[in-house]
Amino acid sequence: MKEIWLCFLFAVVATCAQQGVAALTQVPCDLRETPHGSVCVCNSTYCDYLEQPELNDASKVVVISSSKDGLRFKVTTGDLSIKTPLVVEDKQSTDENFHAEAIVVDQHRAWLNLASIPQRLFINASVKTVKVSVQREQRYQKLSIFGGAFTGTVSHLLKLLPPGLQDHVYKSYFHREGIAYNSIRMSIGGSDFDMEPWAYNELPRNDASLSNFTQLDLRDLQKIEQLKRLKSVAQMEELKIMAAAWSAPPWMKTNDRWTGFGQLKAEYYQTWALYHLKFLELMQSKNMPIWAISTGNEPLNGVIGFFFVHFMSMGWTPWQQAIWLSDHLGPTIRNSTQRPVLIFGNDDQRYTFPSWFRKMRSSRSSALSYLDGLAVHWYWDELVGPQLIDQAHQEMPNKLLLNTESCLGDKPWQTHGPELGSWQRGENYMRAYIQDFQHSFNGWLDWNLVLDEQGGPNYVNNFVDAPIIVNATSRSEMYKQPIYYAIGHFSKFLPAQSVRIGTRIEGENNSFTQLSVVGFQRPDGSVALIVYNGQNLPVDVALNDSQSGAFNLRLPPRSWHTVLYK
């Protein structure tokens, strides 16, 4: 097997050099089939990576591809001047009884349809050509961050793994040869993905001065050491950390509990602002500064979500939160040494936009001036269209817009925990990323970086999926899922300050389509297009760039691609 991989490496380097692209080094995926699809297997001594492609010839194009049939970051290179399509060869299934789910997507609504169709019906079908125009002169938002959550569960699992496998987690996510994350999200105190609920200054009770909040908890100190190792392995100078609190210690709350229907007592509004400041100062003292905070994770969990939310939470209404932000948190942070820290509002579901901020403004007209950005979670996006985000962006065009939490397996109708190797779950991410970036988002923070085979562990048995699953039983392997590669088709190839540019599928008139495209101009001037083919057939894509002209691609069924050219 190693001999085959070495031959593959040589072939990739030689082909790229011949095609006018700086020679690439690729360590290929060790693909393993699962009941739900396939994963790439890593152990302490082996893991798949792809060096960043560098274009050194204006006539060349590089296509990086992943597919349901087994491609993972496959590199195909070609010449823009050649009129015949550049063909991305797939790992085709030979089983005529193979069934695949054809995806039909409407990017303008929260709607999708699945149809199980025999693959053999498509063998003699003609290949459709879809025309896509790229208008570089149409420029929209800049990208800022990509990342995932470094929860207590993640920290716990990493500690169980041998050092070599830990390093592959860090490199796979944060190194340029991985998927080039530049940010993490962490909790202030505990979250639903911890071994137990916890907060700073749980004792003494009724301690408005927070006299016991003088040093970081051992759990956060462990995270700091792990983050230092992460930065070293990934060769990162800066890691942007976004922090959010799930709950105050129970004595500050109206229900004196970690969860349930409960809000912050008004007499502790300033104490809660001080709580945030102390955390920022202590993290700074450990040379791990915080880039941004939010006003609190999912505030509606403690108001209307307590029927089904059984983990740490604290409720806010928008009117209450506006008072706390305007009169306490905002002034406390802005009048301190931590004034550069950004503040994001809401940190809850799409359906709360933009009404949450309108109600905040009605309570305190100055409240929104303290917000640098808006934070959104994706959990009900399939039921609520992006028009609400458009309205919020129109009303607050100068604020950053981030998706700050996403995972699958959380709904009653979904498999709780991982569907190891599921291509469909990867497609859920691909559709969501394309839609959000078409609607002004500046970045995306996924939920847990890693989980175990069950989708945990945590203190409420709240099992979900993650892009990388670790084998916590053998502690010798980890599995990169299609979700990981779906995210990587964006994060790896879109550095900070990339700008979204205009793309249009010709003839598109708000009807259902099985091809989606979003485009960006990178800081070096090159273009990156993310193209998703959701149908069971190959498709010819006739691209017409306003500066580079026309060229053609043939893309395999059920696949996504990052197309790079100057």
Protein backbone atom coordinates (compact mmCIF):
# COMPACT_ATOMS: atom_id res chain seq x y z
CA MET A 1 0.00 0.00 0.00
CA LYS A 2 2.79 2.45 0.85
CA GLU A 3 4.39 1.78 -2.55
CA ILE A 4 1.11 2.72 -4.27
CA TRP A 5 0.90 5.95 -2.24
CA LEU A 6 4.47 6.86 -3.19
CA CYS A 7 3.66 6.32 -6.86
CA PHE A 8 0.57 8.49 -6.44
CA LEU A 9 2.62 11.25 -4.85
CA PHE A 10 5.12 11.16 -7.71
CA ALA A 11 2.34 11.27 -10.29
CA VAL A 12 0.68 14.30 -8.68
CA VAL A 13 3.95 16.22 -8.48
CA ALA A 14 4.93 15.37 -12.06
CA THR A 15 1.51 16.18 -13.54
CA CYS A 16 1.26 19.54 -11.78
CA ALA A 17 4.75 20.53 -12.89
CA GLN A 18 3.87 19.69 -16.50
CA GLN A 19 0.63 21.69 -16.31
CA GLY A 20 2.24 24.95 -15.19
CA VAL A 21 1.17 24.69 -11.58
CA ALA A 22 3.72 24.75 -8.77
CA ALA A 23 4.47 21.12 -7.89
CA LEU A 24 2.07 19.82 -5.24
CA THR A 25 2.70 17.27 -2.54
CA GLN A 26 -0.37 15.22 -1.69
CA VAL A 27 -0.65 12.43 0.84
CA PRO A 28 -3.77 10.57 -0.35
CA CYS A 29 -6.80 9.51 1.66
CA ASP A 30 -6.74 6.00 3.12
CA LEU A 31 -10.36 5.39 2.14
CA ARG A 32 -12.44 2.95 4.19
CA GLU A 33 -16.04 2.01 3.40
CA THR A 34 -18.64 2.26 6.17
CA PRO A 35 -22.35 1.37 6.34
CA HIS A 36 -23.14 5.04 5.59
CA GLY A 37 -20.45 5.75 2.99
CA SER A 38 -16.70 6.15 3.40
CA VAL A 39 -14.13 7.93 5.57
CA CYS A 40 -10.45 8.74 5.37
CA VAL A 41 -8.56 6.91 8.12
CA CYS A 42 -5.66 8.48 10.02
CA ASN A 43 -3.40 7.01 12.68
CA SER A 44 -0.36 8.31 14.56
CA THR A 45 1.95 7.80 11.58
CA TYR A 46 -0.30 8.45 8.57
CA CYS A 47 -2.89 11.02 7.55
CA ASP A 48 -3.96 12.58 4.24
CA TYR A 49 -2.89 16.13 3.37
CA LEU A 50 -2.74 18.40 0.34
CA GLU A 51 -0.22 21.17 -0.13
CA GLN A 52 -1.76 24.51 -1.11
CA PRO A 53 -1.85 24.85 -4.91
CA GLU A 54 0.05 27.85 -6.25
CA LEU A 55 -0.77 29.11 -9.73
CA ASN A 56 2.33 30.24 -11.62
CA ASP A 57 0.78 30.51 -15.09
CA ALA A 58 -2.21 32.69 -15.94
CA SER A 59 -3.44 30.14 -18.50
CA LYS A 60 -3.75 27.27 -16.01
CA VAL A 61 -6.64 26.02 -13.90
CA VAL A 62 -6.58 23.70 -10.89
CA VAL A 63 -9.68 21.76 -9.85
CA ILE A 64 -9.77 20.10 -6.41
CA SER A 65 -12.57 17.54 -6.20
CA SER A 66 -14.43 15.31 -3.73
CA SER A 67 -17.22 12.90 -4.66
CA LYS A 68 -19.69 10.43 -3.23
CA ASP A 69 -17.85 7.63 -5.03
CA GLY A 70 -14.61 8.29 -3.17
CA LEU A 71 -12.65 11.29 -4.44
CA ARG A 72 -11.15 13.34 -1.61
CA PHE A 73 -9.33 16.53 -2.64
CA LYS A 74 -8.31 15.01 -5.98
CA VAL A 75 -6.23 17.47 -8.03
CA THR A 76 -6.95 17.91 -11.75
CA THR A 77 -5.03 20.52 -13.76
CA GLY A 78 -5.67 21.98 -17.20
CA ASP A 79 -5.33 24.88 -19.61
CA LEU A 80 -7.89 27.66 -19.83
CA SER A 81 -7.32 28.03 -23.58
CA ILE A 82 -8.36 24.47 -24.44
CA LYS A 83 -11.98 24.37 -25.59
CA THR A 84 -12.70 20.73 -24.78
CA PRO A 85 -13.92 20.18 -21.23
CA LEU A 86 -11.37 19.51 -18.51
CA VAL A 87 -12.64 16.17 -17.22
CA VAL A 88 -12.56 15.28 -13.52
CA GLU A 89 -12.37 11.49 -13.44
CA ASP A 90 -14.40 9.86 -10.66
CA LYS A 91 -14.04 6.57 -8.80
CA GLN A 92 -17.08 5.15 -10.57
CA SER A 93 -19.26 2.47 -9.03
CA THR A 94 -19.51 -0.73 -11.08
CA ASP A 95 -22.71 -1.97 -9.44
CA GLU A 96 -25.65 -1.40 -11.78
CA ASN A 97 -28.02 -1.82 -8.84
CA PHE A 98 -26.36 1.02 -6.95
CA HIS A 99 -28.91 3.54 -5.66
CA ALA A 100 -28.09 7.17 -5.04
CA GLU A 101 -30.13 10.01 -3.66
CA ALA A 102 -30.56 12.80 -6.18
CA ILE A 103 -30.52 16.17 -4.49
CA VAL A 104 -32.75 18.97 -5.74
CA VAL A 105 -32.03 22.32 -4.15
CA ASP A 106 -33.66 25.71 -4.27
CA GLN A 107 -31.08 28.19 -3.02
CA HIS A 108 -33.76 30.85 -2.49
CA ARG A 109 -35.91 28.80 -0.11
CA ALA A 110 -35.35 26.48 2.83
CA TRP A 111 -36.30 23.40 0.80
CA LEU A 112 -34.79 20.17 -0.48
CA ASN A 113 -36.06 16.91 -1.90
CA LEU A 114 -34.51 13.43 -1.91
CA ALA A 115 -35.29 10.80 -4.52
CA SER A 116 -33.80 7.30 -4.54
CA ILE A 117 -33.15 6.49 -8.19
CA PRO A 118 -31.37 3.46 -9.70
CA GLN A 119 -28.00 4.57 -11.08
CA ARG A 120 -28.38 2.28 -14.10
CA LEU A 121 -31.14 4.52 -15.44
CA PHE A 122 -28.52 7.19 -16.11
CA ILE A 123 -25.92 5.13 -17.96
CA ASN A 124 -27.05 6.24 -21.42
CA ALA A 125 -28.37 9.64 -20.44
CA SER A 126 -26.90 12.67 -22.19
CA VAL A 127 -24.65 15.03 -20.26
CA LYS A 128 -26.28 18.37 -19.63
CA THR A 129 -24.35 21.61 -20.09
CA VAL A 130 -24.89 24.37 -17.54
CA LYS A 131 -23.62 27.87 -18.32
CA VAL A 132 -22.14 29.83 -15.43
CA SER A 133 -20.99 33.43 -15.64
CA VAL A 134 -18.40 34.90 -13.26
CA GLN A 135 -18.50 38.67 -12.84
CA ARG A 136 -15.40 39.82 -10.99
CA GLU A 137 -16.61 43.42 -11.07
CA GLN A 138 -19.52 42.49 -8.77
CA ARG A 139 -17.96 42.48 -5.32
CA TYR A 140 -19.66 41.70 -2.03
CA GLN A 141 -18.51 40.76 1.48
CA LYS A 142 -15.01 39.87 2.64
CA LEU A 143 -14.32 36.61 4.44
CA SER A 144 -12.85 36.66 7.92
CA ILE A 145 -12.71 33.31 9.73
CA PHE A 146 -13.25 29.58 9.48
CA GLY A 147 -13.05 27.31 12.50
CA GLY A 148 -14.68 24.95 14.97
CA ALA A 149 -15.40 24.60 18.67
CA PHE A 150 -12.75 23.56 21.20
CA THR A 151 -15.22 22.33 23.81
CA GLY A 152 -14.56 20.51 27.06
CA THR A 153 -15.44 17.29 25.23
CA VAL A 154 -12.86 18.01 22.52
CA SER A 155 -10.19 18.75 25.13
CA HIS A 156 -11.10 15.54 27.01
CA LEU A 157 -10.87 13.37 23.89
CA LEU A 158 -7.60 14.88 22.72
CA LYS A 159 -6.02 14.09 26.06
CA LEU A 160 -6.94 10.41 25.57
CA LEU A 161 -5.15 10.17 22.22
CA PRO A 162 -1.46 9.43 21.66
CA PRO A 163 0.58 12.58 20.82
CA GLY A 164 0.99 11.64 17.16
CA LEU A 165 -2.75 11.37 16.62
CA GLN A 166 -3.41 14.57 18.57
CA ASP A 167 -1.02 16.35 16.22
CA HIS A 168 -2.87 15.00 13.18
CA VAL A 169 -6.09 16.52 14.54
CA TYR A 170 -4.35 19.88 14.87
CA LYS A 171 -2.62 19.68 11.50
CA SER A 172 -5.71 18.40 9.69
CA TYR A 173 -7.73 21.38 10.80
CA PHE A 174 -5.33 24.28 11.17
CA HIS A 175 -2.28 23.72 8.95
CA ARG A 176 -2.19 24.99 5.37
CA GLU A 177 -1.84 21.38 4.24
CA GLY A 178 -5.00 20.55 6.22
CA ILE A 179 -8.09 22.75 5.80
CA ALA A 180 -6.49 25.93 7.14
CA TYR A 181 -8.84 26.91 9.97
CA ASN A 182 -7.81 30.17 11.62
CA SER A 183 -10.24 30.31 14.54
CA ILE A 184 -11.85 28.39 17.38
CA ARG A 185 -14.91 28.92 19.56
CA MET A 186 -14.75 28.11 23.27
CA SER A 187 -17.06 28.47 26.22
CA ILE A 188 -16.62 30.76 29.22
CA GLY A 189 -17.17 28.13 31.88
CA GLY A 190 -18.96 24.99 30.71
CA SER A 191 -21.18 24.15 27.75
CA ASP A 192 -23.39 21.22 26.77
CA PHE A 193 -20.24 19.43 25.58
CA ASP A 194 -18.42 19.08 28.89
CA MET A 195 -18.13 16.28 31.42
CA GLU A 196 -20.25 18.28 33.89
CA PRO A 197 -21.86 21.72 34.07
CA TRP A 198 -19.56 24.33 35.59
CA ALA A 199 -18.89 28.04 35.86
CA TYR A 200 -16.39 30.33 37.48
CA ASN A 201 -17.08 31.57 41.01
CA GLU A 202 -19.72 28.96 41.81
CA LEU A 203 -18.70 29.62 45.42
CA PRO A 204 -19.04 31.67 47.47
CA ARG A 205 -22.67 32.30 46.63
CA ASN A 206 -24.06 35.81 46.26
CA ASP A 207 -20.52 37.10 45.70
CA ALA A 208 -21.10 40.20 43.57
CA SER A 209 -17.39 41.07 43.54
CA LEU A 210 -16.39 37.62 42.21
CA SER A 211 -13.72 37.26 44.85
CA ASN A 212 -13.01 33.64 43.86
CA PHE A 213 -12.50 34.38 40.15
CA THR A 214 -8.77 35.07 40.35
CA GLN A 215 -7.31 32.33 38.16
CA LEU A 216 -8.29 30.08 35.31
CA ASP A 217 -9.88 26.71 35.98
CA LEU A 218 -7.72 23.64 35.39
CA ARG A 219 -9.96 22.70 32.46
CA ASP A 220 -9.17 25.97 30.72
CA LEU A 221 -5.49 25.66 31.58
CA GLN A 222 -5.51 22.27 29.86
CA LYS A 223 -7.12 23.84 26.80
CA ILE A 224 -4.46 26.55 26.74
CA GLU A 225 -1.66 23.97 26.68
CA GLN A 226 -3.45 22.11 23.90
CA LEU A 227 -3.94 25.32 21.94
CA LYS A 228 -0.25 26.13 22.28
CA ARG A 229 0.56 22.74 20.79
CA LEU A 230 -2.05 23.32 18.07
CA LYS A 231 -0.41 26.60 17.06
CA SER A 232 3.01 24.97 17.01
CA VAL A 233 1.94 22.01 14.88
CA ALA A 234 -0.07 24.21 12.51
CA GLN A 235 2.70 26.83 12.33
CA MET A 236 0.22 29.56 13.20
CA GLU A 237 1.23 32.99 14.45
CA GLU A 238 -2.34 34.01 15.32
CA LEU A 239 -5.35 31.98 16.39
CA LYS A 240 -8.61 33.90 16.64
CA ILE A 241 -10.61 32.76 19.66
CA MET A 242 -14.30 33.51 20.03
CA ALA A 243 -15.74 32.92 23.50
CA ALA A 244 -19.32 32.65 24.75
CA ALA A 245 -20.95 31.84 28.08
CA TRP A 246 -23.69 29.23 28.34
CA SER A 247 -24.75 30.08 31.89
CA ALA A 248 -23.86 32.13 34.93
CA PRO A 249 -23.33 30.23 38.20
CA PRO A 250 -26.79 29.24 39.52
CA TRP A 251 -26.79 31.78 42.34
CA MET A 252 -26.90 34.63 39.81
CA LYS A 253 -30.06 33.22 38.16
CA THR A 254 -33.75 33.52 38.91
CA ASN A 255 -34.24 29.74 39.07
CA ASP A 256 -30.95 28.91 40.90
CA ARG A 257 -30.33 26.06 38.41
CA TRP A 258 -27.99 25.30 35.53
CA THR A 259 -30.86 24.84 33.09
CA GLY A 260 -34.59 25.39 32.76
CA PHE A 261 -36.62 28.59 32.67
CA GLY A 262 -34.25 31.11 34.24
CA GLN A 263 -32.70 34.50 33.55
CA LEU A 264 -29.94 36.58 35.11
CA LYS A 265 -31.07 38.46 38.20
CA ALA A 266 -31.04 42.21 37.56
CA GLU A 267 -28.88 42.85 40.63
CA TYR A 268 -26.08 40.83 38.98
CA TYR A 269 -26.03 42.57 35.59
CA GLN A 270 -22.77 44.38 36.37
CA THR A 271 -21.33 41.28 38.07
CA TRP A 272 -21.96 39.29 34.87
CA ALA A 273 -20.19 41.96 32.82
CA LEU A 274 -17.25 41.81 35.23
CA TYR A 275 -17.27 38.00 34.90
CA HIS A 276 -16.61 38.36 31.16
CA LEU A 277 -13.88 40.93 31.70
CA LYS A 278 -12.08 38.75 34.24
CA PHE A 279 -12.06 35.84 31.79
CA LEU A 280 -10.63 38.04 29.03
CA GLU A 281 -7.91 39.38 31.31
CA LEU A 282 -6.90 35.92 32.58
CA MET A 283 -6.73 34.51 29.04
CA GLN A 284 -4.61 37.50 28.00
CA SER A 285 -2.27 36.85 30.94
CA LYS A 286 -1.66 33.33 29.55
CA ASN A 287 -0.76 34.76 26.13
CA MET A 288 -3.97 33.37 24.64
CA PRO A 289 -5.98 36.53 23.93
CA ILE A 290 -9.64 36.43 23.01
CA TRP A 291 -10.57 37.89 19.63
CA ALA A 292 -14.33 38.14 20.19
CA ILE A 293 -17.14 37.31 22.61
CA SER A 294 -20.86 36.98 22.16
CA THR A 295 -23.66 38.18 24.40
CA GLY A 296 -24.38 34.56 25.34
CA ASN A 297 -25.09 31.21 23.74
CA GLU A 298 -28.67 30.67 22.54
CA PRO A 299 -30.52 33.01 24.90
CA LEU A 300 -33.93 31.62 23.99
CA ASN A 301 -32.99 28.24 25.52
CA GLY A 302 -33.78 29.64 28.94
CA VAL A 303 -36.99 31.35 27.80
CA ILE A 304 -38.81 29.00 25.41
CA GLY A 305 -36.32 26.17 24.80
CA PHE A 306 -36.33 24.76 28.33
CA PHE A 307 -38.98 22.16 27.32
CA PHE A 308 -36.37 20.20 25.36
CA VAL A 309 -33.01 21.75 26.37
CA HIS A 310 -31.56 20.02 29.41
CA PHE A 311 -28.02 21.37 29.36
CA MET A 312 -26.51 24.60 30.68
CA SER A 313 -28.42 27.63 29.48
CA MET A 314 -29.49 31.08 30.59
CA GLY A 315 -32.44 32.94 29.17
CA TRP A 316 -32.57 36.48 27.86
CA THR A 317 -35.27 38.46 26.17
CA PRO A 318 -33.96 41.00 23.65
CA TRP A 319 -35.17 43.85 25.87
CA GLN A 320 -33.25 42.50 28.89
CA GLN A 321 -30.14 41.83 26.84
CA ALA A 322 -30.17 45.35 25.41
CA ILE A 323 -30.11 46.81 28.92
CA TRP A 324 -27.27 44.52 30.00
CA LEU A 325 -25.25 45.24 26.85
CA SER A 326 -25.84 48.99 26.79
CA ASP A 327 -25.52 49.73 30.50
CA HIS A 328 -23.04 47.05 31.63
CA LEU A 329 -21.16 44.75 29.25
CA GLY A 330 -20.46 47.30 26.53
CA PRO A 331 -19.08 50.06 28.78
CA THR A 332 -17.18 47.54 30.94
CA ILE A 333 -15.30 46.10 27.96
CA ARG A 334 -14.81 49.34 26.05
CA ASN A 335 -13.42 51.14 29.11
CA SER A 336 -10.89 48.39 29.86
CA THR A 337 -7.64 47.10 28.40
CA GLN A 338 -9.78 44.54 26.56
CA ARG A 339 -11.46 47.18 24.40
CA PRO A 340 -10.22 45.63 21.08
CA VAL A 341 -12.30 42.49 21.76
CA LEU A 342 -15.23 42.31 19.34
CA ILE A 343 -18.76 41.77 20.64
CA PHE A 344 -21.29 39.70 18.68
CA GLY A 345 -25.01 39.71 19.34
CA ASN A 346 -27.73 37.05 19.42
CA ASP A 347 -25.72 33.79 18.98
CA ASP A 348 -29.00 32.00 18.27
CA GLN A 349 -31.13 30.73 15.39
CA ARG A 350 -31.87 32.35 12.05
CA TYR A 351 -35.59 32.66 12.83
CA THR A 352 -34.83 35.31 15.48
CA PHE A 353 -33.42 37.71 12.83
CA PRO A 354 -33.89 40.66 12.46
CA SER A 355 -36.65 41.02 15.07
CA TRP A 356 -34.26 40.35 17.98
CA PHE A 357 -32.20 43.43 17.15
CA ARG A 358 -35.22 45.63 16.47
CA LYS A 359 -36.50 44.79 19.96
CA MET A 360 -33.08 45.48 21.47
CA ARG A 361 -33.08 48.90 19.82
CA SER A 362 -36.55 49.65 21.21
CA SER A 363 -35.29 48.92 24.72
CA ARG A 364 -31.97 50.79 24.50
CA SER A 365 -31.39 52.87 21.39
CA SER A 366 -27.61 52.75 21.93
CA ALA A 367 -27.34 49.01 22.51
CA LEU A 368 -26.52 47.99 18.94
CA SER A 369 -23.65 50.47 18.78
CA TYR A 370 -21.70 48.11 21.06
CA LEU A 371 -22.11 45.21 18.63
CA ASP A 372 -19.38 44.57 16.08
CA GLY A 373 -21.14 41.59 14.57
CA LEU A 374 -24.11 39.26 14.46
CA ALA A 375 -23.84 35.56 15.32
CA VAL A 376 -26.20 32.93 13.87
CA HIS A 377 -26.73 29.21 14.54
CA TRP A 378 -27.94 27.02 11.68
CA TYR A 379 -30.20 24.50 13.44
CA TRP A 380 -33.54 25.44 11.87
CA ASP A 381 -32.28 26.81 8.56
CA GLU A 382 -34.05 24.06 6.60
CA LEU A 383 -37.35 25.58 7.76
CA VAL A 384 -36.47 29.28 7.59
CA GLY A 385 -35.16 30.92 4.44
CA PRO A 386 -32.20 33.35 4.24
CA GLN A 387 -34.41 36.37 3.60
CA LEU A 388 -34.41 37.15 7.34
CA ILE A 389 -30.62 37.36 7.22
CA ASP A 390 -30.86 39.67 4.20
CA GLN A 391 -33.15 41.98 6.16
CA ALA A 392 -30.78 42.06 9.15
CA HIS A 393 -27.82 42.78 6.87
CA GLN A 394 -29.70 45.60 5.14
CA GLU A 395 -30.52 47.18 8.49
CA MET A 396 -26.98 46.69 9.90
CA PRO A 397 -24.69 46.53 6.83
CA ASN A 398 -21.48 47.36 8.66
CA LYS A 399 -21.60 44.51 11.16
CA LEU A 400 -19.79 41.21 10.63
CA LEU A 401 -22.04 38.22 10.08
CA LEU A 402 -20.87 34.80 11.30
CA ASN A 403 -22.41 31.38 11.55
CA THR A 404 -21.13 30.35 14.98
CA GLU A 405 -22.50 26.83 15.46
CA SER A 406 -23.51 23.90 13.25
CA CYS A 407 -23.80 20.13 13.58
CA LEU A 408 -26.08 17.29 12.53
CA GLY A 409 -27.79 14.61 14.58
CA ASP A 410 -29.55 17.04 16.91
CA LYS A 411 -33.10 16.67 15.54
CA PRO A 412 -35.62 14.01 16.65
CA TRP A 413 -35.89 12.76 13.05
CA GLN A 414 -32.10 12.45 12.62
CA THR A 415 -29.73 9.73 13.75
CA HIS A 416 -28.37 10.98 17.08
CA GLY A 417 -24.63 10.85 16.82
CA PRO A 418 -22.42 10.11 13.81
CA GLU A 419 -23.50 8.54 10.54
CA LEU A 420 -19.92 7.60 9.84
CA GLY A 421 -18.98 8.41 6.26
CA SER A 422 -22.36 9.88 5.26
CA TRP A 423 -22.08 11.79 1.99
CA GLN A 424 -25.59 13.17 2.47
CA ARG A 425 -24.54 14.90 5.70
CA GLY A 426 -21.58 16.39 3.84
CA GLU A 427 -24.01 17.67 1.21
CA ASN A 428 -26.07 19.31 3.97
CA TYR A 429 -22.97 21.32 4.87
CA MET A 430 -22.11 22.12 1.26
CA ARG A 431 -25.59 23.50 0.57
CA ALA A 432 -25.61 25.50 3.80
CA TYR A 433 -22.18 27.04 3.23
CA ILE A 434 -23.05 28.05 -0.33
CA GLN A 435 -26.36 29.56 0.75
CA ASP A 436 -24.90 31.50 3.66
CA PHE A 437 -22.03 32.94 1.63
CA GLN A 438 -24.51 33.97 -1.04
CA HIS A 439 -26.24 35.95 1.72
CA SER A 440 -23.46 38.12 3.15
CA PHE A 441 -21.83 35.84 5.76
CA ASN A 442 -18.19 36.64 6.59
CA GLY A 443 -17.24 33.30 8.13
CA TRP A 444 -18.29 30.07 9.77
CA LEU A 445 -17.51 28.35 13.08
CA ASP A 446 -18.58 24.72 13.19
CA TRP A 447 -19.38 22.89 16.45
CA ASN A 448 -17.09 20.20 18.00
CA LEU A 449 -13.79 19.63 16.21
CA VAL A 450 -13.86 15.95 17.20
CA LEU A 451 -16.28 13.56 18.91
CA ASP A 452 -16.17 9.85 19.76
CA GLU A 453 -18.01 7.02 18.01
CA GLN A 454 -21.24 7.80 19.88
CA GLY A 455 -21.09 11.53 19.22
CA GLY A 456 -20.03 12.48 22.74
CA PRO A 457 -19.21 12.23 25.54
CA ASN A 458 -21.04 14.84 27.62
CA TYR A 459 -23.06 15.07 30.83
CA VAL A 460 -26.50 15.04 29.15
CA ASN A 461 -25.88 12.32 26.51
CA ASN A 462 -26.47 14.94 23.83
CA PHE A 463 -24.97 12.97 20.92
CA VAL A 464 -24.35 14.64 17.54
CA ASP A 465 -22.01 14.35 14.56
CA ALA A 466 -18.66 16.03 13.84
CA PRO A 467 -16.33 16.38 10.84
CA ILE A 468 -13.73 14.14 12.50
CA ILE A 469 -14.62 11.14 14.68
CA VAL A 470 -11.97 9.60 16.93
CA ASN A 471 -11.91 5.97 17.93
CA ALA A 472 -12.02 6.45 21.70
CA THR A 473 -12.01 2.68 22.23
CA SER A 474 -8.74 1.79 20.51
CA ARG A 475 -7.40 5.37 20.69
CA SER A 476 -5.41 4.56 17.57
CA GLU A 477 -7.45 6.00 14.69
CA MET A 478 -9.49 8.99 13.63
CA TYR A 479 -11.91 9.26 10.72
CA LYS A 480 -12.28 12.25 8.43
CA GLN A 481 -15.86 12.36 7.24
CA PRO A 482 -17.32 13.94 4.07
CA ILE A 483 -18.38 16.86 6.30
CA TYR A 484 -14.68 17.64 6.85
CA TYR A 485 -14.00 17.83 3.11
CA ALA A 486 -17.15 19.86 2.44
CA ILE A 487 -15.94 22.51 4.89
CA GLY A 488 -12.39 22.23 3.55
CA HIS A 489 -13.45 23.08 0.00
CA PHE A 490 -14.12 26.53 1.44
CA SER A 491 -11.77 27.05 4.38
CA LYS A 492 -8.61 25.62 2.78
CA PHE A 493 -8.78 27.72 -0.35
CA LEU A 494 -10.35 30.97 0.90
CA PRO A 495 -7.90 32.92 3.08
CA ALA A 496 -9.03 35.89 5.13
CA GLN A 497 -9.88 38.95 3.03
CA SER A 498 -11.10 36.88 0.10
CA VAL A 499 -14.02 38.76 -1.49
CA ARG A 500 -17.17 37.18 -2.82
CA ILE A 501 -17.73 38.00 -6.49
CA GLY A 502 -20.74 37.66 -8.74
CA THR A 503 -21.68 34.24 -10.14
CA ARG A 504 -24.80 33.34 -12.04
CA ILE A 505 -26.18 30.15 -13.52
CA GLU A 506 -27.50 31.28 -16.91
CA GLY A 507 -31.21 30.73 -17.35
CA GLU A 508 -31.70 30.47 -13.59
CA ASN A 509 -35.04 32.04 -12.73
CA ASN A 510 -35.53 31.02 -9.12
CA SER A 511 -36.37 27.49 -10.24
CA PHE A 512 -35.02 24.29 -8.71
CA THR A 513 -31.48 23.45 -9.70
CA GLN A 514 -29.03 20.66 -9.00
CA LEU A 515 -25.95 22.82 -9.58
CA SER A 516 -24.81 25.51 -7.15
CA VAL A 517 -21.90 27.91 -7.47
CA VAL A 518 -20.36 30.60 -5.30
CA GLY A 519 -17.23 32.53 -6.23
CA PHE A 520 -14.48 34.54 -4.54
CA GLN A 521 -11.45 36.60 -5.51
CA ARG A 522 -8.56 35.78 -3.21
CA PRO A 523 -6.07 38.33 -1.85
CA ASP A 524 -3.51 37.33 -4.52
CA GLY A 525 -6.03 38.16 -7.27
CA SER A 526 -6.82 34.56 -8.24
CA VAL A 527 -10.38 33.25 -8.36
CA ALA A 528 -11.83 30.36 -6.33
CA LEU A 529 -15.17 28.92 -7.37
CA ILE A 530 -16.94 26.31 -5.26
CA VAL A 531 -19.15 24.21 -7.53
CA TYR A 532 -21.60 21.57 -6.26
CA ASN A 533 -23.17 18.97 -8.55
CA GLY A 534 -26.04 17.37 -6.62
CA GLN A 535 -27.40 15.16 -9.37
CA ASN A 536 -26.68 11.52 -10.27
CA LEU A 537 -25.25 12.48 -13.65
CA PRO A 538 -22.04 14.09 -14.76
CA VAL A 539 -22.48 17.70 -15.79
CA ASP A 540 -20.61 19.92 -18.21
CA VAL A 541 -20.06 23.38 -16.75
CA ALA A 542 -19.40 26.13 -19.29
CA LEU A 543 -17.73 28.88 -17.27
CA ASN A 544 -17.40 32.40 -18.64
CA ASP A 545 -15.22 34.72 -16.54
CA SER A 546 -15.47 38.45 -17.23
CA GLN A 547 -11.67 38.69 -17.32
CA SER A 548 -10.31 35.23 -18.13
CA GLY A 549 -12.88 34.25 -20.75
CA ALA A 550 -14.58 30.91 -21.30
CA PHE A 551 -13.52 27.39 -20.34
CA ASN A 552 -15.32 24.10 -19.72
CA LEU A 553 -15.36 21.43 -17.01
CA ARG A 554 -16.95 17.99 -16.85
CA LEU A 555 -17.79 17.13 -13.25
CA PRO A 556 -18.81 13.72 -11.91
CA PRO A 557 -22.13 12.94 -10.18
CA ARG A 558 -22.73 13.89 -6.54
CA SER A 559 -19.54 15.88 -6.20
CA TRP A 560 -18.17 19.23 -5.12
CA HIS A 561 -15.18 21.12 -6.43
CA THR A 562 -12.95 24.13 -5.80
CA VAL A 563 -11.85 25.66 -9.10
CA LEU A 564 -8.75 27.88 -8.94
CA TYR A 565 -7.45 30.13 -11.72
CA LYS A 566 -6.02 33.61 -12.25
